[in-house]
Amino acid sequence: MRSERRPLSAETSEFARARVSAELDLRVQQEHAARTVAGHAHDVDDLRGLLDMLGLEAGARV
């Protein structure tokens, strides 16, 4: 059976826009969190450890 592509409904496209918006917001929050951690880290090893514990990446860009 072959799947057909159907045009997006208004609900589907609204959901897609909301999902993209949420992903962008998450990236911004993660960047702010990484900067805050960097400002409080004692050294590079401390920074790496803290970022790793929090599941953040250093230098992530939005």
N, C-alpha and C. Protein backbone atom coordinates (compact mmCIF):
# COMPACT_ATOMS: atom_id res chain seq x y z
N MET A 1 0.84 -1.17 0.00
CA MET A 1 0.00 0.00 0.00
C MET A 1 0.90 1.25 0.00
N ARG A 2 0.54 2.15 -0.81
CA ARG A 2 1.33 3.37 -0.96
C ARG A 2 0.71 4.50 -0.16
N SER A 3 1.54 5.21 0.60
CA SER A 3 0.97 6.32 1.37
C SER A 3 0.95 7.56 0.49
N GLU A 4 -0.13 8.27 0.60
CA GLU A 4 -0.29 9.48 -0.19
C GLU A 4 0.00 10.69 0.68
N ARG A 5 0.60 11.68 0.09
CA ARG A 5 0.80 12.93 0.80
C ARG A 5 -0.44 13.77 0.68
N ARG A 6 -0.92 14.19 1.83
CA ARG A 6 -2.10 15.04 1.84
C ARG A 6 -1.69 16.44 2.26
N PRO A 7 -2.37 17.44 1.78
CA PRO A 7 -2.04 18.80 2.21
C PRO A 7 -2.27 18.95 3.71
N LEU A 8 -1.48 19.81 4.32
CA LEU A 8 -1.62 20.04 5.75
C LEU A 8 -2.92 20.77 6.05
N SER A 9 -3.58 20.31 7.08
CA SER A 9 -4.79 21.01 7.51
C SER A 9 -4.37 22.21 8.35
N ALA A 10 -5.30 23.07 8.64
CA ALA A 10 -5.01 24.24 9.47
C ALA A 10 -4.50 23.80 10.84
N GLU A 11 -5.10 22.75 11.41
CA GLU A 11 -4.68 22.25 12.71
C GLU A 11 -3.27 21.70 12.66
N THR A 12 -2.95 20.95 11.62
CA THR A 12 -1.63 20.36 11.48
C THR A 12 -0.57 21.44 11.30
N SER A 13 -0.84 22.42 10.46
CA SER A 13 0.16 23.46 10.25
C SER A 13 0.31 24.34 11.49
N GLU A 14 -0.77 24.54 12.24
CA GLU A 14 -0.68 25.30 13.50
C GLU A 14 0.18 24.53 14.50
N PHE A 15 -0.02 23.22 14.56
CA PHE A 15 0.78 22.38 15.45
C PHE A 15 2.25 22.45 15.04
N ALA A 16 2.53 22.37 13.75
CA ALA A 16 3.92 22.42 13.28
C ALA A 16 4.56 23.75 13.65
N ARG A 17 3.84 24.86 13.49
CA ARG A 17 4.37 26.17 13.87
C ARG A 17 4.63 26.24 15.37
N ALA A 18 3.72 25.70 16.16
CA ALA A 18 3.88 25.71 17.62
C ALA A 18 5.08 24.87 18.03
N ARG A 19 5.28 23.76 17.35
CA ARG A 19 6.42 22.89 17.68
C ARG A 19 7.74 23.58 17.35
N VAL A 20 7.83 24.22 16.20
CA VAL A 20 9.04 24.95 15.82
C VAL A 20 9.30 26.07 16.82
N SER A 21 8.26 26.78 17.19
CA SER A 21 8.40 27.87 18.16
C SER A 21 8.90 27.34 19.51
N ALA A 22 8.36 26.22 19.96
CA ALA A 22 8.79 25.63 21.23
C ALA A 22 10.24 25.18 21.16
N GLU A 23 10.66 24.62 20.03
CA GLU A 23 12.05 24.19 19.88
C GLU A 23 13.00 25.39 19.91
N LEU A 24 12.62 26.48 19.26
CA LEU A 24 13.45 27.69 19.29
C LEU A 24 13.53 28.26 20.70
N ASP A 25 12.40 28.29 21.40
CA ASP A 25 12.39 28.77 22.78
C ASP A 25 13.30 27.92 23.67
N LEU A 26 13.26 26.61 23.48
CA LEU A 26 14.11 25.71 24.25
C LEU A 26 15.58 26.01 23.99
N ARG A 27 15.95 26.21 22.74
CA ARG A 27 17.35 26.52 22.41
C ARG A 27 17.80 27.81 23.07
N VAL A 28 16.94 28.81 23.07
CA VAL A 28 17.27 30.09 23.70
C VAL A 28 17.47 29.89 25.20
N GLN A 29 16.58 29.14 25.84
CA GLN A 29 16.71 28.87 27.27
C GLN A 29 17.99 28.10 27.58
N GLN A 30 18.33 27.14 26.73
CA GLN A 30 19.54 26.36 26.94
C GLN A 30 20.79 27.24 26.79
N GLU A 31 20.77 28.15 25.82
CA GLU A 31 21.90 29.05 25.64
C GLU A 31 22.07 29.96 26.86
N HIS A 32 20.96 30.49 27.37
CA HIS A 32 21.02 31.33 28.57
C HIS A 32 21.54 30.52 29.77
N ALA A 33 21.07 29.30 29.90
CA ALA A 33 21.52 28.45 31.00
C ALA A 33 23.02 28.16 30.89
N ALA A 34 23.49 27.87 29.69
CA ALA A 34 24.91 27.60 29.49
C ALA A 34 25.75 28.83 29.83
N ARG A 35 25.27 30.01 29.47
CA ARG A 35 26.00 31.24 29.81
C ARG A 35 26.03 31.47 31.31
N THR A 36 24.92 31.19 31.97
CA THR A 36 24.87 31.35 33.42
C THR A 36 25.85 30.40 34.09
N VAL A 37 25.86 29.15 33.65
CA VAL A 37 26.79 28.16 34.19
C VAL A 37 28.22 28.61 33.94
N ALA A 38 28.51 29.09 32.74
CA ALA A 38 29.86 29.54 32.42
C ALA A 38 30.30 30.68 33.33
N GLY A 39 29.37 31.54 33.69
CA GLY A 39 29.70 32.66 34.56
C GLY A 39 30.01 32.25 35.99
N HIS A 40 29.58 31.05 36.39
CA HIS A 40 29.80 30.59 37.75
C HIS A 40 30.82 29.46 37.86
N ALA A 41 31.29 28.96 36.73
CA ALA A 41 32.25 27.85 36.75
C ALA A 41 33.61 28.35 37.22
N HIS A 42 34.34 27.49 37.92
CA HIS A 42 35.65 27.85 38.44
C HIS A 42 36.74 27.77 37.38
N ASP A 43 36.62 26.81 36.49
CA ASP A 43 37.60 26.64 35.42
C ASP A 43 36.95 25.85 34.28
N VAL A 44 37.72 25.56 33.25
CA VAL A 44 37.18 24.87 32.08
C VAL A 44 36.66 23.48 32.42
N ASP A 45 37.40 22.76 33.24
CA ASP A 45 36.95 21.40 33.61
C ASP A 45 35.64 21.46 34.40
N ASP A 46 35.53 22.43 35.30
CA ASP A 46 34.30 22.63 36.06
C ASP A 46 33.15 22.94 35.11
N LEU A 47 33.39 23.83 34.16
CA LEU A 47 32.37 24.20 33.18
C LEU A 47 31.91 22.98 32.39
N ARG A 48 32.86 22.22 31.88
CA ARG A 48 32.49 21.02 31.10
C ARG A 48 31.67 20.04 31.92
N GLY A 49 32.08 19.83 33.17
CA GLY A 49 31.36 18.90 34.03
C GLY A 49 29.94 19.37 34.32
N LEU A 50 29.81 20.66 34.62
CA LEU A 50 28.48 21.20 34.91
C LEU A 50 27.57 21.15 33.68
N LEU A 51 28.10 21.54 32.54
CA LEU A 51 27.30 21.48 31.32
C LEU A 51 26.87 20.06 31.00
N ASP A 52 27.79 19.12 31.20
CA ASP A 52 27.47 17.71 30.94
C ASP A 52 26.38 17.23 31.89
N MET A 53 26.49 17.57 33.16
CA MET A 53 25.47 17.16 34.15
C MET A 53 24.09 17.71 33.79
N LEU A 54 24.07 18.92 33.24
CA LEU A 54 22.81 19.57 32.91
C LEU A 54 22.32 19.24 31.50
N GLY A 55 23.13 18.50 30.75
CA GLY A 55 22.73 18.14 29.39
C GLY A 55 22.78 19.32 28.43
N LEU A 56 23.69 20.26 28.70
CA LEU A 56 23.83 21.46 27.86
C LEU A 56 25.11 21.37 27.04
N GLU A 57 25.18 22.18 26.01
CA GLU A 57 26.36 22.23 25.17
C GLU A 57 26.98 23.62 25.27
N ALA A 58 28.28 23.66 25.26
CA ALA A 58 28.98 24.94 25.26
C ALA A 58 28.97 25.52 23.85
N GLY A 59 28.72 26.80 23.75
CA GLY A 59 28.79 27.48 22.45
C GLY A 59 27.64 27.19 21.53
N ALA A 60 26.55 26.64 22.03
CA ALA A 60 25.39 26.37 21.16
C ALA A 60 24.80 27.70 20.70
N ARG A 61 24.48 27.78 19.46
CA ARG A 61 23.89 29.01 18.87
C ARG A 61 22.47 28.76 18.46
N VAL A 62 21.68 29.79 18.56
CA VAL A 62 20.27 29.70 18.15
C VAL A 62 20.15 30.06 16.69
